[in-house]
């Protein structure tokens, strides 16, 4: 999985041929909650991401990549943005 540069929840879910409703039912979440995370409207709880990691057997090294795609746009800055800010100080 480490070679996948397009690692995000939507791609992971659909690679297993799961609808958001099916995944939500299997994990105990609503399809709306899955949609919100996939669209970046919410970031998901720590427990949600732990459940995703266990369910899909995602290696630890790939979890940051998977979660990071859902963090941007939620006030979490990219490393390049932080470095630029530090350079300007």
C-alpha atoms as a PDB file:
ATOM      1  CA  UNK A   1       0.000   0.000   0.000  1.00  0.00           C
ATOM      2  CA  UNK A   2       2.953   2.355   0.580  1.00  0.00           C
ATOM      3  CA  UNK A   3       3.399   3.003  -3.133  1.00  0.00           C
ATOM      4  CA  UNK A   4      -0.114   4.420  -3.514  1.00  0.00           C
ATOM      5  CA  UNK A   5       0.134   8.186  -3.886  1.00  0.00           C
ATOM      6  CA  UNK A   6      -3.666   8.473  -4.107  1.00  0.00           C
ATOM      7  CA  UNK A   7      -4.284   6.892  -0.726  1.00  0.00           C
ATOM      8  CA  UNK A   8      -7.457   8.333   0.742  1.00  0.00           C
ATOM      9  CA  UNK A   9     -10.573   6.914   2.333  1.00  0.00           C
ATOM     10  CA  UNK A  10     -12.684   7.028  -0.825  1.00  0.00           C
ATOM     11  CA  UNK A  11     -10.088   5.197  -2.929  1.00  0.00           C
ATOM     12  CA  UNK A  12      -9.456   2.664  -0.174  1.00  0.00           C
ATOM     13  CA  UNK A  13     -13.179   1.993   0.288  1.00  0.00           C
ATOM     14  CA  UNK A  14     -13.921   1.657  -3.422  1.00  0.00           C
ATOM     15  CA  UNK A  15     -10.873  -0.573  -3.996  1.00  0.00           C
ATOM     16  CA  UNK A  16     -12.703  -3.085  -1.796  1.00  0.00           C
ATOM     17  CA  UNK A  17     -15.926  -2.564  -3.764  1.00  0.00           C
ATOM     18  CA  UNK A  18     -17.679  -1.089  -0.739  1.00  0.00           C
ATOM     19  CA  UNK A  19     -20.280   1.640  -0.855  1.00  0.00           C
ATOM     20  CA  UNK A  20     -20.180   4.207   1.928  1.00  0.00           C
ATOM     21  CA  UNK A  21     -23.408   2.675   3.267  1.00  0.00           C
ATOM     22  CA  UNK A  22     -21.887  -0.842   3.353  1.00  0.00           C
ATOM     23  CA  UNK A  23     -18.689   0.339   5.013  1.00  0.00           C
ATOM     24  CA  UNK A  24     -20.642   2.384   7.530  1.00  0.00           C
ATOM     25  CA  UNK A  25     -22.855  -0.576   8.390  1.00  0.00           C
ATOM     26  CA  UNK A  26     -19.879  -2.906   8.843  1.00  0.00           C
ATOM     27  CA  UNK A  27     -18.094  -0.403  11.111  1.00  0.00           C
ATOM     28  CA  UNK A  28     -21.088   1.053  12.947  1.00  0.00           C
ATOM     29  CA  UNK A  29     -21.104   4.491  11.287  1.00  0.00           C
ATOM     30  CA  UNK A  30     -23.655   6.193   9.078  1.00  0.00           C
ATOM     31  CA  UNK A  31     -23.008   6.602   5.364  1.00  0.00           C
ATOM     32  CA  UNK A  32     -23.357  10.348   5.942  1.00  0.00           C
ATOM     33  CA  UNK A  33     -20.450  10.279   8.408  1.00  0.00           C
ATOM     34  CA  UNK A  34     -18.302   8.394   5.880  1.00  0.00           C
ATOM     35  CA  UNK A  35     -19.284  10.920   3.180  1.00  0.00           C
ATOM     36  CA  UNK A  36     -18.408  13.876   5.410  1.00  0.00           C
ATOM     37  CA  UNK A  37     -14.952  12.489   6.069  1.00  0.00           C
ATOM     38  CA  UNK A  38     -14.366  11.684   2.404  1.00  0.00           C
ATOM     39  CA  UNK A  39     -15.417  15.195   1.380  1.00  0.00           C
ATOM     40  CA  UNK A  40     -13.331  16.830   4.100  1.00  0.00           C
ATOM     41  CA  UNK A  41     -16.313  18.206   6.015  1.00  0.00           C
ATOM     42  CA  UNK A  42     -15.054  16.521   9.194  1.00  0.00           C
ATOM     43  CA  UNK A  43     -11.816  14.794  10.077  1.00  0.00           C
ATOM     44  CA  UNK A  44     -13.104  11.733  11.911  1.00  0.00           C
ATOM     45  CA  UNK A  45     -12.331  10.673  15.441  1.00  0.00           C
ATOM     46  CA  UNK A  46      -9.225   8.823  16.539  1.00  0.00           C
ATOM     47  CA  UNK A  47     -11.435   5.806  17.161  1.00  0.00           C
ATOM     48  CA  UNK A  48     -12.821   6.034  13.603  1.00  0.00           C
ATOM     49  CA  UNK A  49      -9.319   5.985  12.094  1.00  0.00           C
ATOM     50  CA  UNK A  50      -8.248   3.115  14.360  1.00  0.00           C
ATOM     51  CA  UNK A  51     -11.309   1.192  13.170  1.00  0.00           C
ATOM     52  CA  UNK A  52     -10.426   1.931   9.529  1.00  0.00           C
ATOM     53  CA  UNK A  53      -6.840   0.802  10.095  1.00  0.00           C
ATOM     54  CA  UNK A  54      -7.940  -2.478  11.663  1.00  0.00           C
ATOM     55  CA  UNK A  55     -10.711  -3.184   9.159  1.00  0.00           C
ATOM     56  CA  UNK A  56      -8.547  -2.607   6.065  1.00  0.00           C
ATOM     57  CA  UNK A  57      -5.313  -3.789   7.728  1.00  0.00           C
ATOM     58  CA  UNK A  58      -3.556  -0.526   6.852  1.00  0.00           C
ATOM     59  CA  UNK A  59       0.118  -0.469   7.919  1.00  0.00           C
ATOM     60  CA  UNK A  60       1.077   2.197  10.445  1.00  0.00           C
ATOM     61  CA  UNK A  61       3.351   3.845   7.883  1.00  0.00           C
ATOM     62  CA  UNK A  62       0.377   4.441   5.564  1.00  0.00           C
ATOM     63  CA  UNK A  63      -2.073   5.751   8.154  1.00  0.00           C
ATOM     64  CA  UNK A  64      -0.603   9.262   8.201  1.00  0.00           C
ATOM     65  CA  UNK A  65      -0.919   9.468   4.412  1.00  0.00           C
ATOM     66  CA  UNK A  66      -4.492   8.217   4.599  1.00  0.00           C
ATOM     67  CA  UNK A  67      -5.504  10.670   7.342  1.00  0.00           C
ATOM     68  CA  UNK A  68      -3.510  13.622   6.015  1.00  0.00           C
ATOM     69  CA  UNK A  69      -5.633  13.822   2.894  1.00  0.00           C
ATOM     70  CA  UNK A  70      -8.633  14.445   5.111  1.00  0.00           C
ATOM     71  CA  UNK A  71      -6.961  16.990   7.378  1.00  0.00           C
ATOM     72  CA  UNK A  72      -6.130  19.649   4.797  1.00  0.00           C
ATOM     73  CA  UNK A  73      -8.805  22.283   4.562  1.00  0.00           C
ATOM     74  CA  UNK A  74      -9.595  21.835   8.251  1.00  0.00           C
ATOM     75  CA  UNK A  75      -7.081  24.317   9.591  1.00  0.00           C
ATOM     76  CA  UNK A  76      -4.205  21.845   9.503  1.00  0.00           C
ATOM     77  CA  UNK A  77      -1.304  23.269   7.550  1.00  0.00           C
ATOM     78  CA  UNK A  78       0.878  21.361   5.134  1.00  0.00           C
ATOM     79  CA  UNK A  79       4.540  21.015   6.040  1.00  0.00           C
ATOM     80  CA  UNK A  80       5.488  23.310   3.118  1.00  0.00           C
ATOM     81  CA  UNK A  81       3.173  26.022   4.496  1.00  0.00           C
ATOM     82  CA  UNK A  82       4.720  25.753   7.957  1.00  0.00           C
ATOM     83  CA  UNK A  83       8.262  25.883   6.515  1.00  0.00           C
ATOM     84  CA  UNK A  84       7.378  28.985   4.470  1.00  0.00           C
ATOM     85  CA  UNK A  85       6.031  30.695   7.578  1.00  0.00           C
ATOM     86  CA  UNK A  86       9.179  29.852   9.525  1.00  0.00           C
ATOM     87  CA  UNK A  87      11.389  31.136   6.696  1.00  0.00           C
ATOM     88  CA  UNK A  88       9.533  34.455   6.719  1.00  0.00           C
ATOM     89  CA  UNK A  89      10.140  35.062  10.442  1.00  0.00           C
END
